[in-house]
Amino acid sequence: MARKQRTGTVLNDTNEKSVVVGVTWLQRDRIYKKARRKQTKFVVHDEQNSATVGDRVLIEESRPISRSKRWRLVEILKKVDVAEVQPSDIDSEAVLSGTAETDESGN
């Protein structure tokens, strides 16, 4: 019997060898017949710790690996580019007050 496969987006990658993947799907409202977007979260085993937040991944059903992990990472379909400027590098107070200096070198 073929194993179930889902495509989703990595929501969390802080744990060792584990990622949380969100799979979105549509559900029609019983009364209004309007489609609503729903999201199911799966805890996925990532042996190489290769997936990062925002990546589009293919996951596959597997035997129970831990209490919550029943899925494993098959492949990363699309990697997300990491921003060169980290949020901690931005002086938010200066940006909000409008006195932020623009640096030509990017540092």
PDB file of N, CA and C in Angstrom:
ATOM      1  N   MET A   1       0.840  -1.185   0.000  1.00  0.00           N
ATOM      2  CA  MET A   1       0.000   0.000   0.000  1.00  0.00           C
ATOM      3  C   MET A   1       0.884   1.247   0.000  1.00  0.00           C
ATOM      4  N   ALA A   2       0.524   2.214  -0.810  1.00  0.00           N
ATOM      5  CA  ALA A   2       1.315   3.445  -0.929  1.00  0.00           C
ATOM      6  C   ALA A   2       1.139   4.312   0.311  1.00  0.00           C
ATOM      7  N   ARG A   3       2.228   4.966   0.702  1.00  0.00           N
ATOM      8  CA  ARG A   3       2.180   5.852   1.859  1.00  0.00           C
ATOM      9  C   ARG A   3       1.660   7.220   1.453  1.00  0.00           C
ATOM     10  N   LYS A   4       0.984   7.892   2.385  1.00  0.00           N
ATOM     11  CA  LYS A   4       0.453   9.225   2.113  1.00  0.00           C
ATOM     12  C   LYS A   4       1.595  10.217   1.997  1.00  0.00           C
ATOM     13  N   GLN A   5       1.460  11.158   1.068  1.00  0.00           N
ATOM     14  CA  GLN A   5       2.437  12.226   0.911  1.00  0.00           C
ATOM     15  C   GLN A   5       1.710  13.554   0.918  1.00  0.00           C
ATOM     16  N   ARG A   6       2.318  14.554   1.524  1.00  0.00           N
ATOM     17  CA  ARG A   6       1.748  15.892   1.603  1.00  0.00           C
ATOM     18  C   ARG A   6       2.834  16.915   1.261  1.00  0.00           C
ATOM     19  N   THR A   7       2.413  18.068   0.757  1.00  0.00           N
ATOM     20  CA  THR A   7       3.318  19.175   0.487  1.00  0.00           C
ATOM     21  C   THR A   7       2.931  20.311   1.410  1.00  0.00           C
ATOM     22  N   GLY A   8       3.928  20.873   2.104  1.00  0.00           N
ATOM     23  CA  GLY A   8       3.632  21.943   3.043  1.00  0.00           C
ATOM     24  C   GLY A   8       4.810  22.875   3.226  1.00  0.00           C
ATOM     25  N   THR A   9       4.642  23.809   4.155  1.00  0.00           N
ATOM     26  CA  THR A   9       5.650  24.820   4.441  1.00  0.00           C
ATOM     27  C   THR A   9       6.180  24.615   5.852  1.00  0.00           C
ATOM     28  N   VAL A  10       7.494  24.745   6.019  1.00  0.00           N
ATOM     29  CA  VAL A  10       8.109  24.585   7.340  1.00  0.00           C
ATOM     30  C   VAL A  10       7.751  25.799   8.199  1.00  0.00           C
ATOM     31  N   LEU A  11       7.148  25.544   9.362  1.00  0.00           N
ATOM     32  CA  LEU A  11       6.744  26.607  10.275  1.00  0.00           C
ATOM     33  C   LEU A  11       7.739  26.798  11.412  1.00  0.00           C
ATOM     34  N   ASN A  12       8.421  25.719  11.816  1.00  0.00           N
ATOM     35  CA  ASN A  12       9.322  25.774  12.966  1.00  0.00           C
ATOM     36  C   ASN A  12      10.450  24.770  12.749  1.00  0.00           C
ATOM     37  N   ASP A  13      11.691  25.202  13.015  1.00  0.00           N
ATOM     38  CA  ASP A  13      12.835  24.295  12.847  1.00  0.00           C
ATOM     39  C   ASP A  13      13.786  24.355  14.035  1.00  0.00           C
ATOM     40  N   THR A  14      13.287  24.724  15.215  1.00  0.00           N
ATOM     41  CA  THR A  14      14.172  24.909  16.363  1.00  0.00           C
ATOM     42  C   THR A  14      14.620  23.594  17.004  1.00  0.00           C
ATOM     43  N   ASN A  15      13.858  22.538  16.858  1.00  0.00           N
ATOM     44  CA  ASN A  15      14.221  21.262  17.475  1.00  0.00           C
ATOM     45  C   ASN A  15      15.262  20.509  16.660  1.00  0.00           C
ATOM     46  N   GLU A  16      16.024  19.663  17.347  1.00  0.00           N
ATOM     47  CA  GLU A  16      17.051  18.855  16.693  1.00  0.00           C
ATOM     48  C   GLU A  16      16.398  17.701  15.935  1.00  0.00           C
ATOM     49  N   LYS A  17      16.667  17.591  14.628  1.00  0.00           N
ATOM     50  CA  LYS A  17      16.163  16.534  13.754  1.00  0.00           C
ATOM     51  C   LYS A  17      14.638  16.518  13.631  1.00  0.00           C
ATOM     52  N   SER A  18      13.996  17.651  13.915  1.00  0.00           N
ATOM     53  CA  SER A  18      12.542  17.750  13.784  1.00  0.00           C
ATOM     54  C   SER A  18      12.157  19.105  13.221  1.00  0.00           C
ATOM     55  N   VAL A  19      11.115  19.112  12.404  1.00  0.00           N
ATOM     56  CA  VAL A  19      10.537  20.360  11.922  1.00  0.00           C
ATOM     57  C   VAL A  19       9.016  20.239  12.006  1.00  0.00           C
ATOM     58  N   VAL A  20       8.353  21.388  12.127  1.00  0.00           N
ATOM     59  CA  VAL A  20       6.898  21.417  12.101  1.00  0.00           C
ATOM     60  C   VAL A  20       6.492  21.943  10.734  1.00  0.00           C
ATOM     61  N   VAL A  21       5.671  21.159  10.035  1.00  0.00           N
ATOM     62  CA  VAL A  21       5.248  21.502   8.680  1.00  0.00           C
ATOM     63  C   VAL A  21       3.749  21.772   8.688  1.00  0.00           C
ATOM     64  N   GLY A  22       3.356  22.902   8.100  1.00  0.00           N
ATOM     65  CA  GLY A  22       1.944  23.244   7.985  1.00  0.00           C
ATOM     66  C   GLY A  22       1.445  22.926   6.586  1.00  0.00           C
ATOM     67  N   VAL A  23       0.365  22.141   6.526  1.00  0.00           N
ATOM     68  CA  VAL A  23      -0.251  21.782   5.245  1.00  0.00           C
ATOM     69  C   VAL A  23      -1.610  22.471   5.202  1.00  0.00           C
ATOM     70  N   THR A  24      -1.823  23.331   4.208  1.00  0.00           N
ATOM     71  CA  THR A  24      -3.082  24.051   4.104  1.00  0.00           C
ATOM     72  C   THR A  24      -4.022  23.342   3.136  1.00  0.00           C
ATOM     73  N   TRP A  25      -5.313  23.410   3.446  1.00  0.00           N
ATOM     74  CA  TRP A  25      -6.338  22.810   2.605  1.00  0.00           C
ATOM     75  C   TRP A  25      -7.613  23.616   2.735  1.00  0.00           C
ATOM     76  N   LEU A  26      -8.542  23.422   1.817  1.00  0.00           N
ATOM     77  CA  LEU A  26      -9.783  24.186   1.800  1.00  0.00           C
ATOM     78  C   LEU A  26     -10.935  23.332   2.302  1.00  0.00           C
ATOM     79  N   GLN A  27     -11.809  23.956   3.102  1.00  0.00           N
ATOM     80  CA  GLN A  27     -13.005  23.282   3.602  1.00  0.00           C
ATOM     81  C   GLN A  27     -14.196  24.172   3.280  1.00  0.00           C
ATOM     82  N   ARG A  28     -15.217  23.610   2.665  1.00  0.00           N
ATOM     83  CA  ARG A  28     -16.399  24.391   2.327  1.00  0.00           C
ATOM     84  C   ARG A  28     -17.302  24.531   3.542  1.00  0.00           C
ATOM     85  N   ASP A  29     -17.853  25.731   3.724  1.00  0.00           N
ATOM     86  CA  ASP A  29     -18.788  25.974   4.811  1.00  0.00           C
ATOM     87  C   ASP A  29     -20.104  25.258   4.503  1.00  0.00           C
ATOM     88  N   ARG A  30     -20.687  24.605   5.510  1.00  0.00           N
ATOM     89  CA  ARG A  30     -21.895  23.827   5.272  1.00  0.00           C
ATOM     90  C   ARG A  30     -23.085  24.696   4.883  1.00  0.00           C
ATOM     91  N   ILE A  31     -23.168  25.891   5.446  1.00  0.00           N
ATOM     92  CA  ILE A  31     -24.316  26.759   5.173  1.00  0.00           C
ATOM     93  C   ILE A  31     -24.061  27.697   4.004  1.00  0.00           C
ATOM     94  N   TYR A  32     -22.940  28.423   4.070  1.00  0.00           N
ATOM     95  CA  TYR A  32     -22.686  29.472   3.083  1.00  0.00           C
ATOM     96  C   TYR A  32     -21.932  28.988   1.848  1.00  0.00           C
ATOM     97  N   LYS A  33     -21.445  27.774   1.870  1.00  0.00           N
ATOM     98  CA  LYS A  33     -20.740  27.157   0.734  1.00  0.00           C
ATOM     99  C   LYS A  33     -19.486  27.921   0.326  1.00  0.00           C
ATOM    100  N   LYS A  34     -18.938  28.717   1.222  1.00  0.00           N
ATOM    101  CA  LYS A  34     -17.723  29.482   0.946  1.00  0.00           C
ATOM    102  C   LYS A  34     -16.534  28.651   1.442  1.00  0.00           C
ATOM    103  N   ALA A  35     -15.447  28.634   0.668  1.00  0.00           N
ATOM    104  CA  ALA A  35     -14.265  27.851   1.037  1.00  0.00           C
ATOM    105  C   ALA A  35     -13.476  28.585   2.113  1.00  0.00           C
ATOM    106  N   ARG A  36     -13.073  27.852   3.157  1.00  0.00           N
ATOM    107  CA  ARG A  36     -12.229  28.401   4.219  1.00  0.00           C
ATOM    108  C   ARG A  36     -10.897  27.680   4.185  1.00  0.00           C
ATOM    109  N   ARG A  37      -9.827  28.438   4.397  1.00  0.00           N
ATOM    110  CA  ARG A  37      -8.493  27.847   4.405  1.00  0.00           C
ATOM    111  C   ARG A  37      -8.199  27.293   5.795  1.00  0.00           C
ATOM    112  N   LYS A  38      -7.870  26.021   5.876  1.00  0.00           N
ATOM    113  CA  LYS A  38      -7.537  25.369   7.136  1.00  0.00           C
ATOM    114  C   LYS A  38      -6.069  24.933   7.065  1.00  0.00           C
ATOM    115  N   GLN A  39      -5.467  24.764   8.241  1.00  0.00           N
ATOM    116  CA  GLN A  39      -4.069  24.333   8.281  1.00  0.00           C
ATOM    117  C   GLN A  39      -3.913  23.200   9.281  1.00  0.00           C
ATOM    118  N   THR A  40      -3.225  22.152   8.853  1.00  0.00           N
ATOM    119  CA  THR A  40      -2.899  21.031   9.723  1.00  0.00           C
ATOM    120  C   THR A  40      -1.392  21.028   9.923  1.00  0.00           C
ATOM    121  N   LYS A  41      -0.961  20.872  11.190  1.00  0.00           N
ATOM    122  CA  LYS A  41       0.468  20.870  11.496  1.00  0.00           C
ATOM    123  C   LYS A  41       0.938  19.437  11.731  1.00  0.00           C
ATOM    124  N   PHE A  42       2.058  19.095  11.101  1.00  0.00           N
ATOM    125  CA  PHE A  42       2.671  17.783  11.254  1.00  0.00           C
ATOM    126  C   PHE A  42       4.071  17.956  11.818  1.00  0.00           C
ATOM    127  N   VAL A  43       4.445  17.115  12.790  1.00  0.00           N
ATOM    128  CA  VAL A  43       5.821  17.090  13.286  1.00  0.00           C
ATOM    129  C   VAL A  43       6.554  16.069  12.425  1.00  0.00           C
ATOM    130  N   VAL A  44       7.631  16.519  11.780  1.00  0.00           N
ATOM    131  CA  VAL A  44       8.300  15.725  10.739  1.00  0.00           C
ATOM    132  C   VAL A  44       9.740  15.448  11.151  1.00  0.00           C
ATOM    133  N   HIS A  45      10.205  14.232  10.888  1.00  0.00           N
ATOM    134  CA  HIS A  45      11.589  13.851  11.166  1.00  0.00           C
ATOM    135  C   HIS A  45      12.479  14.327  10.025  1.00  0.00           C
ATOM    136  N   ASP A  46      13.497  15.144  10.371  1.00  0.00           N
ATOM    137  CA  ASP A  46      14.452  15.691   9.399  1.00  0.00           C
ATOM    138  C   ASP A  46      15.847  15.263   9.858  1.00  0.00           C
ATOM    139  N   GLU A  47      16.335  14.157   9.315  1.00  0.00           N
ATOM    140  CA  GLU A  47      17.590  13.549   9.785  1.00  0.00           C
ATOM    141  C   GLU A  47      18.798  14.468   9.653  1.00  0.00           C
ATOM    142  N   GLN A  48      18.899  15.217   8.545  1.00  0.00           N
ATOM    143  CA  GLN A  48      20.072  16.062   8.315  1.00  0.00           C
ATOM    144  C   GLN A  48      19.903  17.498   8.809  1.00  0.00           C
ATOM    145  N   ASN A  49      18.775  17.840   9.390  1.00  0.00           N
ATOM    146  CA  ASN A  49      18.489  19.225   9.805  1.00  0.00           C
ATOM    147  C   ASN A  49      18.655  20.192   8.635  1.00  0.00           C
ATOM    148  N   SER A  50      18.175  19.812   7.464  1.00  0.00           N
ATOM    149  CA  SER A  50      18.397  20.611   6.263  1.00  0.00           C
ATOM    150  C   SER A  50      17.282  21.612   5.985  1.00  0.00           C
ATOM    151  N   ALA A  51      16.093  21.405   6.516  1.00  0.00           N
ATOM    152  CA  ALA A  51      14.972  22.309   6.247  1.00  0.00           C
ATOM    153  C   ALA A  51      14.993  23.497   7.195  1.00  0.00           C
ATOM    154  N   THR A  52      14.656  24.676   6.659  1.00  0.00           N
ATOM    155  CA  THR A  52      14.574  25.881   7.467  1.00  0.00           C
ATOM    156  C   THR A  52      13.183  26.492   7.325  1.00  0.00           C
ATOM    157  N   VAL A  53      12.866  27.447   8.178  1.00  0.00           N
ATOM    158  CA  VAL A  53      11.542  28.066   8.178  1.00  0.00           C
ATOM    159  C   VAL A  53      11.267  28.712   6.824  1.00  0.00           C
ATOM    160  N   GLY A  54      10.083  28.419   6.283  1.00  0.00           N
ATOM    161  CA  GLY A  54       9.677  28.987   5.001  1.00  0.00           C
ATOM    162  C   GLY A  54       9.893  28.073   3.812  1.00  0.00           C
ATOM    163  N   ASP A  55      10.658  26.997   3.981  1.00  0.00           N
ATOM    164  CA  ASP A  55      10.914  26.079   2.871  1.00  0.00           C
ATOM    165  C   ASP A  55       9.642  25.310   2.509  1.00  0.00           C
ATOM    166  N   ARG A  56       9.490  25.017   1.216  1.00  0.00           N
ATOM    167  CA  ARG A  56       8.401  24.182   0.725  1.00  0.00           C
ATOM    168  C   ARG A  56       8.935  22.757   0.684  1.00  0.00           C
ATOM    169  N   VAL A  57       8.274  21.808   1.375  1.00  0.00           N
ATOM    170  CA  VAL A  57       8.810  20.456   1.501  1.00  0.00           C
ATOM    171  C   VAL A  57       7.760  19.401   1.167  1.00  0.00           C
ATOM    172  N   LEU A  58       8.255  18.218   0.817  1.00  0.00           N
ATOM    173  CA  LEU A  58       7.416  17.046   0.582  1.00  0.00           C
ATOM    174  C   LEU A  58       7.649  16.094   1.746  1.00  0.00           C
ATOM    175  N   ILE A  59       6.565  15.694   2.419  1.00  0.00           N
ATOM    176  CA  ILE A  59       6.683  14.779   3.561  1.00  0.00           C
ATOM    177  C   ILE A  59       5.918  13.497   3.260  1.00  0.00           C
ATOM    178  N   GLU A  60       6.304  12.429   3.959  1.00  0.00           N
ATOM    179  CA  GLU A  60       5.695  11.130   3.740  1.00  0.00           C
ATOM    180  C   GLU A  60       5.399  10.460   5.074  1.00  0.00           C
ATOM    181  N   GLU A  61       4.295   9.765   5.117  1.00  0.00           N
ATOM    182  CA  GLU A  61       3.890   9.029   6.310  1.00  0.00           C
ATOM    183  C   GLU A  61       4.921   7.945   6.620  1.00  0.00           C
ATOM    184  N   SER A  62       5.184   7.708   7.917  1.00  0.00           N
ATOM    185  CA  SER A  62       6.149   6.671   8.285  1.00  0.00           C
ATOM    186  C   SER A  62       5.716   6.002   9.585  1.00  0.00           C
ATOM    187  N   ARG A  63       6.519   5.075  10.031  1.00  0.00           N
ATOM    188  CA  ARG A  63       6.241   4.440  11.318  1.00  0.00           C
ATOM    189  C   ARG A  63       6.428   5.464  12.428  1.00  0.00           C
ATOM    190  N   PRO A  64       5.868   5.261  13.611  1.00  0.00           N
ATOM    191  CA  PRO A  64       6.071   6.224  14.696  1.00  0.00           C
ATOM    192  C   PRO A  64       7.552   6.329  15.078  1.00  0.00           C
ATOM    193  N   ILE A  65       8.076   7.539  15.032  1.00  0.00           N
ATOM    194  CA  ILE A  65       9.478   7.779  15.365  1.00  0.00           C
ATOM    195  C   ILE A  65       9.591   8.251  16.804  1.00  0.00           C
ATOM    196  N   SER A  66       8.593   9.019  17.254  1.00  0.00           N
ATOM    197  CA  SER A  66       8.520   9.447  18.652  1.00  0.00           C
ATOM    198  C   SER A  66       7.045   9.619  19.000  1.00  0.00           C
ATOM    199  N   ARG A  67       6.793  10.244  20.142  1.00  0.00           N
ATOM    200  CA  ARG A  67       5.408  10.420  20.586  1.00  0.00           C
ATOM    201  C   ARG A  67       4.581  11.218  19.582  1.00  0.00           C
ATOM    202  N   SER A  68       5.186  12.209  18.960  1.00  0.00           N
ATOM    203  CA  SER A  68       4.423  13.063  18.046  1.00  0.00           C
ATOM    204  C   SER A  68       4.842  12.941  16.583  1.00  0.00           C
ATOM    205  N   LYS A  69       5.995  12.345  16.298  1.00  0.00           N
ATOM    206  CA  LYS A  69       6.488  12.279  14.914  1.00  0.00           C
ATOM    207  C   LYS A  69       6.025  11.005  14.216  1.00  0.00           C
ATOM    208  N   ARG A  70       5.207  11.183  13.185  1.00  0.00           N
ATOM    209  CA  ARG A  70       4.744  10.072  12.354  1.00  0.00           C
ATOM    210  C   ARG A  70       4.989  10.337  10.878  1.00  0.00           C
ATOM    211  N   TRP A  71       5.750  11.369  10.561  1.00  0.00           N
ATOM    212  CA  TRP A  71       6.041  11.752   9.192  1.00  0.00           C
ATOM    213  C   TRP A  71       7.536  11.964   9.041  1.00  0.00           C
ATOM    214  N   ARG A  72       8.053  11.776   7.821  1.00  0.00           N
ATOM    215  CA  ARG A  72       9.465  12.023   7.573  1.00  0.00           C
ATOM    216  C   ARG A  72       9.617  12.903   6.344  1.00  0.00           C
ATOM    217  N   LEU A  73      10.712  13.649   6.309  1.00  0.00           N
ATOM    218  CA  LEU A  73      10.997  14.556   5.203  1.00  0.00           C
ATOM    219  C   LEU A  73      11.510  13.763   4.015  1.00  0.00           C
ATOM    220  N   VAL A  74      10.873  13.929   2.854  1.00  0.00           N
ATOM    221  CA  VAL A  74      11.308  13.241   1.643  1.00  0.00           C
ATOM    222  C   VAL A  74      12.275  14.134   0.879  1.00  0.00           C
ATOM    223  N   GLU A  75      11.849  15.376   0.581  1.00  0.00           N
ATOM    224  CA  GLU A  75      12.725  16.298  -0.130  1.00  0.00           C
ATOM    225  C   GLU A  75      12.276  17.738   0.083  1.00  0.00           C
ATOM    226  N   ILE A  76      13.206  18.635  -0.137  1.00  0.00           N
ATOM    227  CA  ILE A  76      12.914  20.067  -0.070  1.00  0.00           C
ATOM    228  C   ILE A  76      12.637  20.519  -1.498  1.00  0.00           C
ATOM    229  N   LEU A  77      11.414  20.982  -1.734  1.00  0.00           N
ATOM    230  CA  LEU A  77      11.015  21.366  -3.087  1.00  0.00           C
ATOM    231  C   LEU A  77      11.498  22.762  -3.449  1.00  0.00           C
ATOM    232  N   LYS A  78      11.464  23.681  -2.481  1.00  0.00           N
ATOM    233  CA  LYS A  78      11.883  25.064  -2.754  1.00  0.00           C
ATOM    234  C   LYS A  78      12.504  25.643  -1.492  1.00  0.00           C
ATOM    235  N   LYS A  79      13.774  26.071  -1.606  1.00  0.00           N
ATOM    236  CA  LYS A  79      14.466  26.702  -0.488  1.00  0.00           C
ATOM    237  C   LYS A  79      14.134  28.186  -0.471  1.00  0.00           C
ATOM    238  N   VAL A  80      14.026  28.741   0.737  1.00  0.00           N
ATOM    239  CA  VAL A  80      13.792  30.174   0.905  1.00  0.00           C
ATOM    240  C   VAL A  80      15.133  30.859   1.080  1.00  0.00           C
ATOM    241  N   ASP A  81      15.307  32.005   0.395  1.00  0.00           N
ATOM    242  CA  ASP A  81      16.546  32.754   0.521  1.00  0.00           C
ATOM    243  C   ASP A  81      16.601  33.410   1.893  1.00  0.00           C
ATOM    244  N   VAL A  82      17.746  33.293   2.550  1.00  0.00           N
ATOM    245  CA  VAL A  82      17.929  33.905   3.864  1.00  0.00           C
ATOM    246  C   VAL A  82      18.288  35.365   3.654  1.00  0.00           C
ATOM    247  N   ALA A  83      17.629  36.241   4.399  1.00  0.00           N
ATOM    248  CA  ALA A  83      17.901  37.676   4.270  1.00  0.00           C
ATOM    249  C   ALA A  83      19.309  37.976   4.759  1.00  0.00           C
ATOM    250  N   GLU A  84      19.983  38.887   4.066  1.00  0.00           N
ATOM    251  CA  GLU A  84      21.340  39.248   4.467  1.00  0.00           C
ATOM    252  C   GLU A  84      21.335  40.102   5.725  1.00  0.00           C
ATOM    253  N   VAL A  85      20.290  40.901   5.923  1.00  0.00           N
ATOM    254  CA  VAL A  85      20.185  41.733   7.112  1.00  0.00           C
ATOM    255  C   VAL A  85      19.248  41.044   8.083  1.00  0.00           C
ATOM    256  N   GLN A  86      19.748  40.740   9.257  1.00  0.00           N
ATOM    257  CA  GLN A  86      18.952  40.091  10.292  1.00  0.00           C
ATOM    258  C   GLN A  86      18.135  41.139  11.048  1.00  0.00           C
ATOM    259  N   PRO A  87      16.964  40.771  11.580  1.00  0.00           N
ATOM    260  CA  PRO A  87      16.143  41.729  12.322  1.00  0.00           C
ATOM    261  C   PRO A  87      16.867  42.342  13.517  1.00  0.00           C
ATOM    262  N   SER A  88      17.800  41.617  14.120  1.00  0.00           N
ATOM    263  CA  SER A  88      18.524  42.151  15.268  1.00  0.00           C
ATOM    264  C   SER A  88      19.511  43.246  14.864  1.00  0.00           C
ATOM    265  N   ASP A  89      19.875  43.327  13.578  1.00  0.00           N
ATOM    266  CA  ASP A  89      20.803  44.345  13.093  1.00  0.00           C
ATOM    267  C   ASP A  89      20.136  45.701  12.873  1.00  0.00           C
ATOM    268  N   ILE A  90      18.803  45.730  12.860  1.00  0.00           N
ATOM    269  CA  ILE A  90      18.080  46.962  12.561  1.00  0.00           C
ATOM    270  C   ILE A  90      17.789  47.709  13.856  1.00  0.00           C
ATOM    271  N   ASP A  91      18.118  49.007  13.881  1.00  0.00           N
ATOM    272  CA  ASP A  91      17.825  49.851  15.031  1.00  0.00           C
ATOM    273  C   ASP A  91      16.391  50.350  14.878  1.00  0.00           C
ATOM    274  N   SER A  92      15.434  49.655  15.526  1.00  0.00           N
ATOM    275  CA  SER A  92      14.020  49.958  15.330  1.00  0.00           C
ATOM    276  C   SER A  92      13.643  51.334  15.877  1.00  0.00           C
ATOM    277  N   GLU A  93      14.282  51.774  16.951  1.00  0.00           N
ATOM    278  CA  GLU A  93      13.978  53.090  17.513  1.00  0.00           C
ATOM    279  C   GLU A  93      14.322  54.197  16.523  1.00  0.00           C
ATOM    280  N   ALA A  94      15.467  54.082  15.866  1.00  0.00           N
ATOM    281  CA  ALA A  94      15.884  55.089  14.904  1.00  0.00           C
ATOM    282  C   ALA A  94      14.984  55.071  13.664  1.00  0.00           C
ATOM    283  N   VAL A  95      14.552  53.900  13.261  1.00  0.00           N
ATOM    284  CA  VAL A  95      13.683  53.795  12.088  1.00  0.00           C
ATOM    285  C   VAL A  95      12.327  54.430  12.383  1.00  0.00           C
ATOM    286  N   LEU A  96      11.785  54.178  13.576  1.00  0.00           N
ATOM    287  CA  LEU A  96      10.487  54.736  13.929  1.00  0.00           C
ATOM    288  C   LEU A  96      10.537  56.252  14.086  1.00  0.00           C
ATOM    289  N   SER A  97      11.634  56.774  14.604  1.00  0.00           N
ATOM    290  CA  SER A  97      11.730  58.221  14.799  1.00  0.00           C
ATOM    291  C   SER A  97      12.156  58.944  13.520  1.00  0.00           C
ATOM    292  N   GLY A  98      12.620  58.203  12.513  1.00  0.00           N
ATOM    293  CA  GLY A  98      13.010  58.806  11.246  1.00  0.00           C
ATOM    294  C   GLY A  98      14.432  59.324  11.221  1.00  0.00           C
ATOM    295  N   THR A  99      15.248  58.936  12.202  1.00  0.00           N
ATOM    296  CA  THR A  99      16.635  59.408  12.253  1.00  0.00           C
ATOM    297  C   THR A  99      17.621  58.325  11.876  1.00  0.00           C
ATOM    298  N   ALA A 100      17.151  57.291  11.200  1.00  0.00           N
ATOM    299  CA  ALA A 100      18.034  56.186  10.824  1.00  0.00           C
ATOM    300  C   ALA A 100      19.017  56.642   9.757  1.00  0.00           C
ATOM    301  N   GLU A 101      20.303  56.287   9.950  1.00  0.00           N
ATOM    302  CA  GLU A 101      21.338  56.621   8.977  1.00  0.00           C
ATOM    303  C   GLU A 101      21.385  55.541   7.915  1.00  0.00           C
ATOM    304  N   THR A 102      21.558  55.947   6.677  1.00  0.00           N
ATOM    305  CA  THR A 102      21.725  54.977   5.607  1.00  0.00           C
ATOM    306  C   THR A 102      23.199  54.767   5.367  1.00  0.00           C
ATOM    307  N   ASP A 103      23.631  53.520   5.443  1.00  0.00           N
ATOM    308  CA  ASP A 103      25.039  53.180   5.271  1.00  0.00           C
ATOM    309  C   ASP A 103      25.214  52.555   3.896  1.00  0.00           C
ATOM    310  N   GLU A 104      26.105  53.102   3.100  1.00  0.00           N
ATOM    311  CA  GLU A 104      26.324  52.639   1.736  1.00  0.00           C
ATOM    312  C   GLU A 104      26.987  51.275   1.690  1.00  0.00           C
ATOM    313  N   SER A 105      27.767  50.905   2.714  1.00  0.00           N
ATOM    314  CA  SER A 105      28.494  49.632   2.689  1.00  0.00           C
ATOM    315  C   SER A 105      27.613  48.462   3.054  1.00  0.00           C
ATOM    316  N   GLY A 106      26.419  48.698   3.622  1.00  0.00           N
ATOM    317  CA  GLY A 106      25.514  47.615   3.970  1.00  0.00           C
ATOM    318  C   GLY A 106      25.703  47.091   5.366  1.00  0.00           C
ATOM    319  N   ASN A 107      26.596  47.665   6.155  1.00  0.00           N
ATOM    320  CA  ASN A 107      26.805  47.197   7.535  1.00  0.00           C
ATOM    321  C   ASN A 107      26.101  48.062   8.531  1.00  0.00           C
TER     322      ASN A 107
END
